[in-house]
Amino acid sequence: MFEARPKVFTPRDVMCCMEQTYRCLACLEHTITRGFDTSHLKTQCSHCDSFGRFLNEAVFDQFQTFEQTPPESMQWDRLDREEKLLVSEQIVRRGRTIDEFSVSA
């Protein structure tokens, strides 16, 4: 389990912007685009037919980078997928660094 202070999200965390891409976490194949920027959203996947989380593509890219080259300062392999995605989200979207996270028993 890693330790990080929780963030309370407010409506201003969902900002208008250029279109953003989101990837289905169930199948990892299907992507959708939306005209707003948020860490994730829930919708029906037309590829795998699941109703689930679509992750912001920038966060998914960071997750993939860490999967291919785990951060040296962290025991990345001890984290489950959800924890890894949360760390990736905090780095990409909240400006945190990998050194702000630690893994405990």
PDB file of N, CA and C in Angstrom:
ATOM      1  N   MET A   1       0.852  -1.169   0.000  1.00  0.00           N
ATOM      2  CA  MET A   1       0.000   0.000   0.000  1.00  0.00           C
ATOM      3  C   MET A   1       0.900   1.235   0.000  1.00  0.00           C
ATOM      4  N   PHE A   2       0.583   2.202  -0.819  1.00  0.00           N
ATOM      5  CA  PHE A   2       1.357   3.429  -0.838  1.00  0.00           C
ATOM      6  C   PHE A   2       0.608   4.481  -0.038  1.00  0.00           C
ATOM      7  N   GLU A   3       1.317   5.540   0.333  1.00  0.00           N
ATOM      8  CA  GLU A   3       0.701   6.591   1.129  1.00  0.00           C
ATOM      9  C   GLU A   3       0.740   7.908   0.377  1.00  0.00           C
ATOM     10  N   ALA A   4      -0.404   8.555   0.315  1.00  0.00           N
ATOM     11  CA  ALA A   4      -0.516   9.878  -0.295  1.00  0.00           C
ATOM     12  C   ALA A   4      -1.738  10.544   0.316  1.00  0.00           C
ATOM     13  N   ARG A   5      -1.676  11.835   0.473  1.00  0.00           N
ATOM     14  CA  ARG A   5      -2.830  12.548   1.013  1.00  0.00           C
ATOM     15  C   ARG A   5      -3.963  12.541   0.005  1.00  0.00           C
ATOM     16  N   PRO A   6      -5.184  12.256   0.455  1.00  0.00           N
ATOM     17  CA  PRO A   6      -6.314  12.255  -0.483  1.00  0.00           C
ATOM     18  C   PRO A   6      -6.637  13.657  -0.964  1.00  0.00           C
ATOM     19  N   LYS A   7      -7.151  13.749  -2.165  1.00  0.00           N
ATOM     20  CA  LYS A   7      -7.571  15.016  -2.767  1.00  0.00           C
ATOM     21  C   LYS A   7      -9.073  15.003  -2.889  1.00  0.00           C
ATOM     22  N   VAL A   8      -9.712  16.068  -2.449  1.00  0.00           N
ATOM     23  CA  VAL A   8     -11.147  16.205  -2.618  1.00  0.00           C
ATOM     24  C   VAL A   8     -11.375  16.952  -3.920  1.00  0.00           C
ATOM     25  N   PHE A   9     -12.131  16.334  -4.827  1.00  0.00           N
ATOM     26  CA  PHE A   9     -12.364  16.926  -6.133  1.00  0.00           C
ATOM     27  C   PHE A   9     -13.606  17.810  -6.103  1.00  0.00           C
ATOM     28  N   THR A  10     -13.524  18.927  -6.765  1.00  0.00           N
ATOM     29  CA  THR A  10     -14.625  19.878  -6.853  1.00  0.00           C
ATOM     30  C   THR A  10     -14.988  20.059  -8.320  1.00  0.00           C
ATOM     31  N   PRO A  11     -16.142  20.685  -8.606  1.00  0.00           N
ATOM     32  CA  PRO A  11     -16.517  20.890 -10.011  1.00  0.00           C
ATOM     33  C   PRO A  11     -15.468  21.636 -10.821  1.00  0.00           C
ATOM     34  N   ARG A  12     -14.672  22.472 -10.188  1.00  0.00           N
ATOM     35  CA  ARG A  12     -13.668  23.199 -10.973  1.00  0.00           C
ATOM     36  C   ARG A  12     -12.521  22.297 -11.417  1.00  0.00           C
ATOM     37  N   ASP A  13     -12.438  21.065 -10.860  1.00  0.00           N
ATOM     38  CA  ASP A  13     -11.435  20.110 -11.322  1.00  0.00           C
ATOM     39  C   ASP A  13     -11.746  19.594 -12.720  1.00  0.00           C
ATOM     40  N   VAL A  14     -13.000  19.708 -13.139  1.00  0.00           N
ATOM     41  CA  VAL A  14     -13.410  19.313 -14.492  1.00  0.00           C
ATOM     42  C   VAL A  14     -13.428  20.583 -15.318  1.00  0.00           C
ATOM     43  N   MET A  15     -12.435  20.752 -16.161  1.00  0.00           N
ATOM     44  CA  MET A  15     -12.266  21.997 -16.894  1.00  0.00           C
ATOM     45  C   MET A  15     -12.594  21.827 -18.372  1.00  0.00           C
ATOM     46  N   CYS A  16     -13.090  22.873 -18.960  1.00  0.00           N
ATOM     47  CA  CYS A  16     -13.321  22.872 -20.410  1.00  0.00           C
ATOM     48  C   CYS A  16     -11.988  23.044 -21.120  1.00  0.00           C
ATOM     49  N   CYS A  17     -11.849  22.405 -22.214  1.00  0.00           N
ATOM     50  CA  CYS A  17     -10.579  22.484 -22.930  1.00  0.00           C
ATOM     51  C   CYS A  17     -10.757  21.866 -24.312  1.00  0.00           C
ATOM     52  N   MET A  18      -9.634  21.656 -24.974  1.00  0.00           N
ATOM     53  CA  MET A  18      -9.659  20.936 -26.238  1.00  0.00           C
ATOM     54  C   MET A  18     -10.068  19.496 -25.957  1.00  0.00           C
ATOM     55  N   GLU A  19     -10.410  18.788 -26.985  1.00  0.00           N
ATOM     56  CA  GLU A  19     -10.853  17.407 -26.796  1.00  0.00           C
ATOM     57  C   GLU A  19      -9.755  16.557 -26.158  1.00  0.00           C
ATOM     58  N   GLN A  20     -10.186  15.687 -25.267  1.00  0.00           N
ATOM     59  CA  GLN A  20      -9.298  14.773 -24.563  1.00  0.00           C
ATOM     60  C   GLN A  20      -9.690  13.343 -24.911  1.00  0.00           C
ATOM     61  N   THR A  21      -8.715  12.453 -24.877  1.00  0.00           N
ATOM     62  CA  THR A  21      -8.953  11.042 -25.163  1.00  0.00           C
ATOM     63  C   THR A  21      -8.971  10.266 -23.856  1.00  0.00           C
ATOM     64  N   TYR A  22      -9.881   9.299 -23.778  1.00  0.00           N
ATOM     65  CA  TYR A  22     -10.039   8.445 -22.606  1.00  0.00           C
ATOM     66  C   TYR A  22     -10.047   6.994 -23.060  1.00  0.00           C
ATOM     67  N   ARG A  23      -9.381   6.107 -22.293  1.00  0.00           N
ATOM     68  CA  ARG A  23      -9.229   4.694 -22.673  1.00  0.00           C
ATOM     69  C   ARG A  23     -10.001   3.798 -21.704  1.00  0.00           C
ATOM     70  N   CYS A  24     -10.714   2.822 -22.251  1.00  0.00           N
ATOM     71  CA  CYS A  24     -11.462   1.859 -21.442  1.00  0.00           C
ATOM     72  C   CYS A  24     -10.473   1.015 -20.639  1.00  0.00           C
ATOM     73  N   LEU A  25     -10.664   0.967 -19.327  1.00  0.00           N
ATOM     74  CA  LEU A  25      -9.773   0.168 -18.489  1.00  0.00           C
ATOM     75  C   LEU A  25     -10.133  -1.310 -18.477  1.00  0.00           C
ATOM     76  N   ALA A  26     -11.308  -1.657 -18.976  1.00  0.00           N
ATOM     77  CA  ALA A  26     -11.697  -3.072 -19.029  1.00  0.00           C
ATOM     78  C   ALA A  26     -10.989  -3.788 -20.168  1.00  0.00           C
ATOM     79  N   CYS A  27     -11.007  -3.199 -21.347  1.00  0.00           N
ATOM     80  CA  CYS A  27     -10.420  -3.876 -22.514  1.00  0.00           C
ATOM     81  C   CYS A  27      -9.100  -3.242 -22.973  1.00  0.00           C
ATOM     82  N   LEU A  28      -8.846  -2.008 -22.585  1.00  0.00           N
ATOM     83  CA  LEU A  28      -7.650  -1.252 -22.978  1.00  0.00           C
ATOM     84  C   LEU A  28      -7.547  -1.012 -24.475  1.00  0.00           C
ATOM     85  N   GLU A  29      -8.594  -1.348 -25.220  1.00  0.00           N
ATOM     86  CA  GLU A  29      -8.588  -1.193 -26.670  1.00  0.00           C
ATOM     87  C   GLU A  29      -9.330   0.053 -27.128  1.00  0.00           C
ATOM     88  N   HIS A  30     -10.508   0.265 -26.568  1.00  0.00           N
ATOM     89  CA  HIS A  30     -11.389   1.318 -27.060  1.00  0.00           C
ATOM     90  C   HIS A  30     -11.067   2.663 -26.410  1.00  0.00           C
ATOM     91  N   THR A  31     -11.056   3.709 -27.230  1.00  0.00           N
ATOM     92  CA  THR A  31     -10.886   5.068 -26.721  1.00  0.00           C
ATOM     93  C   THR A  31     -12.059   5.923 -27.195  1.00  0.00           C
ATOM     94  N   ILE A  32     -12.343   6.959 -26.420  1.00  0.00           N
ATOM     95  CA  ILE A  32     -13.366   7.938 -26.785  1.00  0.00           C
ATOM     96  C   ILE A  32     -12.766   9.320 -26.583  1.00  0.00           C
ATOM     97  N   THR A  33     -13.317  10.311 -27.232  1.00  0.00           N
ATOM     98  CA  THR A  33     -12.880  11.683 -27.026  1.00  0.00           C
ATOM     99  C   THR A  33     -14.044  12.501 -26.494  1.00  0.00           C
ATOM    100  N   ARG A  34     -13.710  13.454 -25.651  1.00  0.00           N
ATOM    101  CA  ARG A  34     -14.703  14.345 -25.072  1.00  0.00           C
ATOM    102  C   ARG A  34     -14.129  15.756 -25.044  1.00  0.00           C
ATOM    103  N   GLY A  35     -15.001  16.726 -25.022  1.00  0.00           N
ATOM    104  CA  GLY A  35     -14.595  18.130 -25.040  1.00  0.00           C
ATOM    105  C   GLY A  35     -14.349  18.710 -23.662  1.00  0.00           C
ATOM    106  N   PHE A  36     -13.916  17.900 -22.724  1.00  0.00           N
ATOM    107  CA  PHE A  36     -13.572  18.361 -21.388  1.00  0.00           C
ATOM    108  C   PHE A  36     -12.402  17.541 -20.877  1.00  0.00           C
ATOM    109  N   ASP A  37     -11.786  18.018 -19.817  1.00  0.00           N
ATOM    110  CA  ASP A  37     -10.596  17.386 -19.265  1.00  0.00           C
ATOM    111  C   ASP A  37     -10.867  16.975 -17.824  1.00  0.00           C
ATOM    112  N   THR A  38     -10.852  15.678 -17.569  1.00  0.00           N
ATOM    113  CA  THR A  38     -10.998  15.138 -16.220  1.00  0.00           C
ATOM    114  C   THR A  38     -10.118  13.898 -16.118  1.00  0.00           C
ATOM    115  N   SER A  39      -9.879  13.414 -14.917  1.00  0.00           N
ATOM    116  CA  SER A  39      -8.981  12.268 -14.757  1.00  0.00           C
ATOM    117  C   SER A  39      -9.575  10.991 -15.340  1.00  0.00           C
ATOM    118  N   HIS A  40     -10.894  10.841 -15.222  1.00  0.00           N
ATOM    119  CA  HIS A  40     -11.552   9.644 -15.750  1.00  0.00           C
ATOM    120  C   HIS A  40     -13.048   9.915 -15.850  1.00  0.00           C
ATOM    121  N   LEU A  41     -13.731   9.027 -16.518  1.00  0.00           N
ATOM    122  CA  LEU A  41     -15.183   9.087 -16.594  1.00  0.00           C
ATOM    123  C   LEU A  41     -15.712   7.673 -16.700  1.00  0.00           C
ATOM    124  N   LYS A  42     -17.009   7.511 -16.453  1.00  0.00           N
ATOM    125  CA  LYS A  42     -17.631   6.193 -16.568  1.00  0.00           C
ATOM    126  C   LYS A  42     -18.661   6.234 -17.677  1.00  0.00           C
ATOM    127  N   THR A  43     -18.587   5.237 -18.540  1.00  0.00           N
ATOM    128  CA  THR A  43     -19.520   5.136 -19.650  1.00  0.00           C
ATOM    129  C   THR A  43     -19.491   3.710 -20.190  1.00  0.00           C
ATOM    130  N   GLN A  44     -20.356   3.435 -21.119  1.00  0.00           N
ATOM    131  CA  GLN A  44     -20.436   2.118 -21.764  1.00  0.00           C
ATOM    132  C   GLN A  44     -19.370   2.023 -22.856  1.00  0.00           C
ATOM    133  N   CYS A  45     -18.632   0.935 -22.862  1.00  0.00           N
ATOM    134  CA  CYS A  45     -17.628   0.702 -23.900  1.00  0.00           C
ATOM    135  C   CYS A  45     -18.292  -0.024 -25.065  1.00  0.00           C
ATOM    136  N   SER A  46     -18.193   0.544 -26.229  1.00  0.00           N
ATOM    137  CA  SER A  46     -18.799  -0.088 -27.411  1.00  0.00           C
ATOM    138  C   SER A  46     -17.964  -1.262 -27.930  1.00  0.00           C
ATOM    139  N   HIS A  47     -16.740  -1.399 -27.429  1.00  0.00           N
ATOM    140  CA  HIS A  47     -15.869  -2.496 -27.873  1.00  0.00           C
ATOM    141  C   HIS A  47     -16.090  -3.757 -27.030  1.00  0.00           C
ATOM    142  N   CYS A  48     -16.067  -3.611 -25.695  1.00  0.00           N
ATOM    143  CA  CYS A  48     -16.194  -4.786 -24.821  1.00  0.00           C
ATOM    144  C   CYS A  48     -17.536  -4.850 -24.105  1.00  0.00           C
ATOM    145  N   ASP A  49     -18.365  -3.837 -24.305  1.00  0.00           N
ATOM    146  CA  ASP A  49     -19.716  -3.765 -23.760  1.00  0.00           C
ATOM    147  C   ASP A  49     -19.770  -3.637 -22.243  1.00  0.00           C
ATOM    148  N   SER A  50     -18.652  -3.293 -21.601  1.00  0.00           N
ATOM    149  CA  SER A  50     -18.680  -3.087 -20.156  1.00  0.00           C
ATOM    150  C   SER A  50     -19.062  -1.642 -19.849  1.00  0.00           C
ATOM    151  N   PHE A  51     -19.663  -1.436 -18.703  1.00  0.00           N
ATOM    152  CA  PHE A  51     -19.901  -0.088 -18.222  1.00  0.00           C
ATOM    153  C   PHE A  51     -18.850   0.142 -17.156  1.00  0.00           C
ATOM    154  N   GLY A  52     -17.904   0.985 -17.448  1.00  0.00           N
ATOM    155  CA  GLY A  52     -16.803   1.145 -16.510  1.00  0.00           C
ATOM    156  C   GLY A  52     -16.031   2.419 -16.728  1.00  0.00           C
ATOM    157  N   ARG A  53     -14.859   2.433 -16.128  1.00  0.00           N
ATOM    158  CA  ARG A  53     -14.011   3.613 -16.106  1.00  0.00           C
ATOM    159  C   ARG A  53     -13.208   3.748 -17.392  1.00  0.00           C
ATOM    160  N   PHE A  54     -13.224   4.940 -17.929  1.00  0.00           N
ATOM    161  CA  PHE A  54     -12.351   5.335 -19.025  1.00  0.00           C
ATOM    162  C   PHE A  54     -11.352   6.313 -18.440  1.00  0.00           C
ATOM    163  N   LEU A  55     -10.086   6.025 -18.601  1.00  0.00           N
ATOM    164  CA  LEU A  55      -9.012   6.809 -18.003  1.00  0.00           C
ATOM    165  C   LEU A  55      -8.464   7.818 -19.000  1.00  0.00           C
ATOM    166  N   ASN A  56      -8.153   8.999 -18.506  1.00  0.00           N
ATOM    167  CA  ASN A  56      -7.512  10.022 -19.327  1.00  0.00           C
ATOM    168  C   ASN A  56      -6.266   9.421 -19.974  1.00  0.00           C
ATOM    169  N   GLU A  57      -6.110   9.606 -21.263  1.00  0.00           N
ATOM    170  CA  GLU A  57      -5.017   8.971 -22.018  1.00  0.00           C
ATOM    171  C   GLU A  57      -3.635   9.391 -21.520  1.00  0.00           C
ATOM    172  N   ALA A  58      -3.487  10.630 -21.075  1.00  0.00           N
ATOM    173  CA  ALA A  58      -2.188  11.079 -20.551  1.00  0.00           C
ATOM    174  C   ALA A  58      -1.822  10.298 -19.289  1.00  0.00           C
ATOM    175  N   VAL A  59      -2.803  10.024 -18.453  1.00  0.00           N
ATOM    176  CA  VAL A  59      -2.574   9.228 -17.246  1.00  0.00           C
ATOM    177  C   VAL A  59      -2.229   7.795 -17.633  1.00  0.00           C
ATOM    178  N   PHE A  60      -2.945   7.247 -18.603  1.00  0.00           N
ATOM    179  CA  PHE A  60      -2.653   5.889 -19.065  1.00  0.00           C
ATOM    180  C   PHE A  60      -1.247   5.801 -19.657  1.00  0.00           C
ATOM    181  N   ASP A  61      -0.841   6.810 -20.403  1.00  0.00           N
ATOM    182  CA  ASP A  61       0.517   6.824 -20.974  1.00  0.00           C
ATOM    183  C   ASP A  61       1.574   6.800 -19.872  1.00  0.00           C
ATOM    184  N   GLN A  62       1.351   7.571 -18.792  1.00  0.00           N
ATOM    185  CA  GLN A  62       2.310   7.583 -17.671  1.00  0.00           C
ATOM    186  C   GLN A  62       2.337   6.215 -16.995  1.00  0.00           C
ATOM    187  N   PHE A  63       1.176   5.621 -16.797  1.00  0.00           N
ATOM    188  CA  PHE A  63       1.084   4.279 -16.233  1.00  0.00           C
ATOM    189  C   PHE A  63       1.894   3.286 -17.077  1.00  0.00           C
ATOM    190  N   GLN A  64       1.709   3.334 -18.389  1.00  0.00           N
ATOM    191  CA  GLN A  64       2.439   2.435 -19.299  1.00  0.00           C
ATOM    192  C   GLN A  64       3.947   2.653 -19.203  1.00  0.00           C
ATOM    193  N   THR A  65       4.357   3.900 -19.109  1.00  0.00           N
ATOM    194  CA  THR A  65       5.783   4.219 -18.975  1.00  0.00           C
ATOM    195  C   THR A  65       6.359   3.586 -17.710  1.00  0.00           C
ATOM    196  N   PHE A  66       5.640   3.727 -16.589  1.00  0.00           N
ATOM    197  CA  PHE A  66       6.097   3.122 -15.333  1.00  0.00           C
ATOM    198  C   PHE A  66       6.069   1.598 -15.388  1.00  0.00           C
ATOM    199  N   GLU A  67       5.123   1.030 -16.110  1.00  0.00           N
ATOM    200  CA  GLU A  67       5.073  -0.426 -16.245  1.00  0.00           C
ATOM    201  C   GLU A  67       6.294  -0.932 -17.024  1.00  0.00           C
ATOM    202  N   GLN A  68       6.697  -0.191 -18.048  1.00  0.00           N
ATOM    203  CA  GLN A  68       7.833  -0.599 -18.872  1.00  0.00           C
ATOM    204  C   GLN A  68       9.162  -0.331 -18.165  1.00  0.00           C
ATOM    205  N   THR A  69       9.229   0.792 -17.449  1.00  0.00           N
ATOM    206  CA  THR A  69      10.443   1.162 -16.722  1.00  0.00           C
ATOM    207  C   THR A  69      10.021   1.630 -15.329  1.00  0.00           C
ATOM    208  N   PRO A  70       9.921   0.709 -14.373  1.00  0.00           N
ATOM    209  CA  PRO A  70       9.459   1.084 -13.035  1.00  0.00           C
ATOM    210  C   PRO A  70      10.369   2.129 -12.395  1.00  0.00           C
ATOM    211  N   PRO A  71       9.775   3.064 -11.646  1.00  0.00           N
ATOM    212  CA  PRO A  71      10.582   4.083 -10.977  1.00  0.00           C
ATOM    213  C   PRO A  71      11.538   3.441  -9.970  1.00  0.00           C
ATOM    214  N   GLU A  72      12.774   3.857  -9.983  1.00  0.00           N
ATOM    215  CA  GLU A  72      13.788   3.268  -9.107  1.00  0.00           C
ATOM    216  C   GLU A  72      13.540   3.589  -7.640  1.00  0.00           C
ATOM    217  N   SER A  73      12.933   4.731  -7.370  1.00  0.00           N
ATOM    218  CA  SER A  73      12.751   5.166  -5.984  1.00  0.00           C
ATOM    219  C   SER A  73      11.503   4.568  -5.327  1.00  0.00           C
ATOM    220  N   MET A  74      10.831   3.658  -6.006  1.00  0.00           N
ATOM    221  CA  MET A  74       9.584   3.113  -5.483  1.00  0.00           C
ATOM    222  C   MET A  74       9.492   1.626  -5.799  1.00  0.00           C
ATOM    223  N   GLN A  75       8.850   0.877  -4.931  1.00  0.00           N
ATOM    224  CA  GLN A  75       8.651  -0.549  -5.166  1.00  0.00           C
ATOM    225  C   GLN A  75       7.373  -0.733  -5.989  1.00  0.00           C
ATOM    226  N   TRP A  76       7.454  -0.353  -7.241  1.00  0.00           N
ATOM    227  CA  TRP A  76       6.311  -0.306  -8.155  1.00  0.00           C
ATOM    228  C   TRP A  76       5.590  -1.649  -8.251  1.00  0.00           C
ATOM    229  N   ASP A  77       6.334  -2.730  -8.285  1.00  0.00           N
ATOM    230  CA  ASP A  77       5.743  -4.061  -8.456  1.00  0.00           C
ATOM    231  C   ASP A  77       4.882  -4.487  -7.271  1.00  0.00           C
ATOM    232  N   ARG A  78       5.037  -3.849  -6.121  1.00  0.00           N
ATOM    233  CA  ARG A  78       4.226  -4.195  -4.946  1.00  0.00           C
ATOM    234  C   ARG A  78       2.839  -3.551  -4.992  1.00  0.00           C
ATOM    235  N   LEU A  79       2.649  -2.573  -5.869  1.00  0.00           N
ATOM    236  CA  LEU A  79       1.361  -1.885  -5.961  1.00  0.00           C
ATOM    237  C   LEU A  79       0.405  -2.670  -6.847  1.00  0.00           C
ATOM    238  N   ASP A  80      -0.890  -2.614  -6.523  1.00  0.00           N
ATOM    239  CA  ASP A  80      -1.857  -3.216  -7.428  1.00  0.00           C
ATOM    240  C   ASP A  80      -2.170  -2.212  -8.539  1.00  0.00           C
ATOM    241  N   ARG A  81      -2.924  -2.649  -9.505  1.00  0.00           N
ATOM    242  CA  ARG A  81      -3.193  -1.816 -10.684  1.00  0.00           C
ATOM    243  C   ARG A  81      -3.858  -0.485 -10.317  1.00  0.00           C
ATOM    244  N   GLU A  82      -4.827  -0.529  -9.428  1.00  0.00           N
ATOM    245  CA  GLU A  82      -5.530   0.687  -9.031  1.00  0.00           C
ATOM    246  C   GLU A  82      -4.584   1.692  -8.367  1.00  0.00           C
ATOM    247  N   GLU A  83      -3.690   1.201  -7.513  1.00  0.00           N
ATOM    248  CA  GLU A  83      -2.717   2.077  -6.864  1.00  0.00           C
ATOM    249  C   GLU A  83      -1.759   2.684  -7.887  1.00  0.00           C
ATOM    250  N   LYS A  84      -1.330   1.876  -8.842  1.00  0.00           N
ATOM    251  CA  LYS A  84      -0.444   2.376  -9.888  1.00  0.00           C
ATOM    252  C   LYS A  84      -1.117   3.468 -10.716  1.00  0.00           C
ATOM    253  N   LEU A  85      -2.400   3.262 -11.029  1.00  0.00           N
ATOM    254  CA  LEU A  85      -3.137   4.269 -11.798  1.00  0.00           C
ATOM    255  C   LEU A  85      -3.319   5.550 -10.991  1.00  0.00           C
ATOM    256  N   LEU A  86      -3.536   5.426  -9.689  1.00  0.00           N
ATOM    257  CA  LEU A  86      -3.679   6.607  -8.840  1.00  0.00           C
ATOM    258  C   LEU A  86      -2.373   7.398  -8.774  1.00  0.00           C
ATOM    259  N   VAL A  87      -1.255   6.702  -8.629  1.00  0.00           N
ATOM    260  CA  VAL A  87       0.051   7.383  -8.626  1.00  0.00           C
ATOM    261  C   VAL A  87       0.253   8.096  -9.961  1.00  0.00           C
ATOM    262  N   SER A  88      -0.036   7.422 -11.053  1.00  0.00           N
ATOM    263  CA  SER A  88       0.118   8.022 -12.384  1.00  0.00           C
ATOM    264  C   SER A  88      -0.766   9.250 -12.539  1.00  0.00           C
ATOM    265  N   GLU A  89      -2.005   9.166 -12.045  1.00  0.00           N
ATOM    266  CA  GLU A  89      -2.930  10.295 -12.119  1.00  0.00           C
ATOM    267  C   GLU A  89      -2.414  11.490 -11.319  1.00  0.00           C
ATOM    268  N   GLN A  90      -1.885  11.236 -10.139  1.00  0.00           N
ATOM    269  CA  GLN A  90      -1.381  12.313  -9.292  1.00  0.00           C
ATOM    270  C   GLN A  90      -0.161  12.998  -9.920  1.00  0.00           C
ATOM    271  N   ILE A  91       0.662  12.238 -10.603  1.00  0.00           N
ATOM    272  CA  ILE A  91       1.843  12.809 -11.261  1.00  0.00           C
ATOM    273  C   ILE A  91       1.445  13.645 -12.472  1.00  0.00           C
ATOM    274  N   VAL A  92       0.583  13.093 -13.319  1.00  0.00           N
ATOM    275  CA  VAL A  92       0.199  13.779 -14.557  1.00  0.00           C
ATOM    276  C   VAL A  92      -0.717  14.967 -14.295  1.00  0.00           C
ATOM    277  N   ARG A  93      -1.703  14.788 -13.455  1.00  0.00           N
ATOM    278  CA  ARG A  93      -2.760  15.789 -13.321  1.00  0.00           C
ATOM    279  C   ARG A  93      -2.604  16.713 -12.124  1.00  0.00           C
ATOM    280  N   ARG A  94      -1.811  16.341 -11.147  1.00  0.00           N
ATOM    281  CA  ARG A  94      -1.671  17.155  -9.941  1.00  0.00           C
ATOM    282  C   ARG A  94      -0.261  17.695  -9.734  1.00  0.00           C
ATOM    283  N   GLY A  95       0.643  17.358 -10.660  1.00  0.00           N
ATOM    284  CA  GLY A  95       1.996  17.908 -10.590  1.00  0.00           C
ATOM    285  C   GLY A  95       2.863  17.334  -9.487  1.00  0.00           C
ATOM    286  N   ARG A  96       2.481  16.183  -8.961  1.00  0.00           N
ATOM    287  CA  ARG A  96       3.291  15.563  -7.922  1.00  0.00           C
ATOM    288  C   ARG A  96       4.481  14.851  -8.556  1.00  0.00           C
ATOM    289  N   THR A  97       5.439  14.469  -7.742  1.00  0.00           N
ATOM    290  CA  THR A  97       6.593  13.715  -8.228  1.00  0.00           C
ATOM    291  C   THR A  97       6.565  12.322  -7.619  1.00  0.00           C
ATOM    292  N   ILE A  98       7.282  11.403  -8.213  1.00  0.00           N
ATOM    293  CA  ILE A  98       7.322  10.027  -7.718  1.00  0.00           C
ATOM    294  C   ILE A  98       7.897   9.974  -6.323  1.00  0.00           C
ATOM    295  N   ASP A  99       8.766  10.931  -5.971  1.00  0.00           N
ATOM    296  CA  ASP A  99       9.391  10.952  -4.652  1.00  0.00           C
ATOM    297  C   ASP A  99       8.409  11.297  -3.536  1.00  0.00           C
ATOM    298  N   GLU A 100       7.209  11.767  -3.893  1.00  0.00           N
ATOM    299  CA  GLU A 100       6.204  12.098  -2.875  1.00  0.00           C
ATOM    300  C   GLU A 100       5.399  10.887  -2.430  1.00  0.00           C
ATOM    301  N   PHE A 101       5.673   9.711  -3.006  1.00  0.00           N
ATOM    302  CA  PHE A 101       4.950   8.500  -2.678  1.00  0.00           C
ATOM    303  C   PHE A 101       5.895   7.499  -2.017  1.00  0.00           C
ATOM    304  N   SER A 102       5.335   6.703  -1.128  1.00  0.00           N
ATOM    305  CA  SER A 102       6.131   5.629  -0.518  1.00  0.00           C
ATOM    306  C   SER A 102       5.255   4.385  -0.417  1.00  0.00           C
ATOM    307  N   VAL A 103       5.907   3.233  -0.404  1.00  0.00           N
ATOM    308  CA  VAL A 103       5.223   1.959  -0.302  1.00  0.00           C
ATOM    309  C   VAL A 103       5.480   1.423   1.088  1.00  0.00           C
ATOM    310  N   SER A 104       4.403   1.019   1.779  1.00  0.00           N
ATOM    311  CA  SER A 104       4.558   0.449   3.112  1.00  0.00           C
ATOM    312  C   SER A 104       3.942  -0.938   3.130  1.00  0.00           C
ATOM    313  N   ALA A 105       4.220  -1.671   4.178  1.00  0.00           N
ATOM    314  CA  ALA A 105       3.757  -3.069   4.299  1.00  0.00           C
ATOM    315  C   ALA A 105       2.301  -3.209   4.302  1.00  0.00           C
TER     316      ALA A 105
END
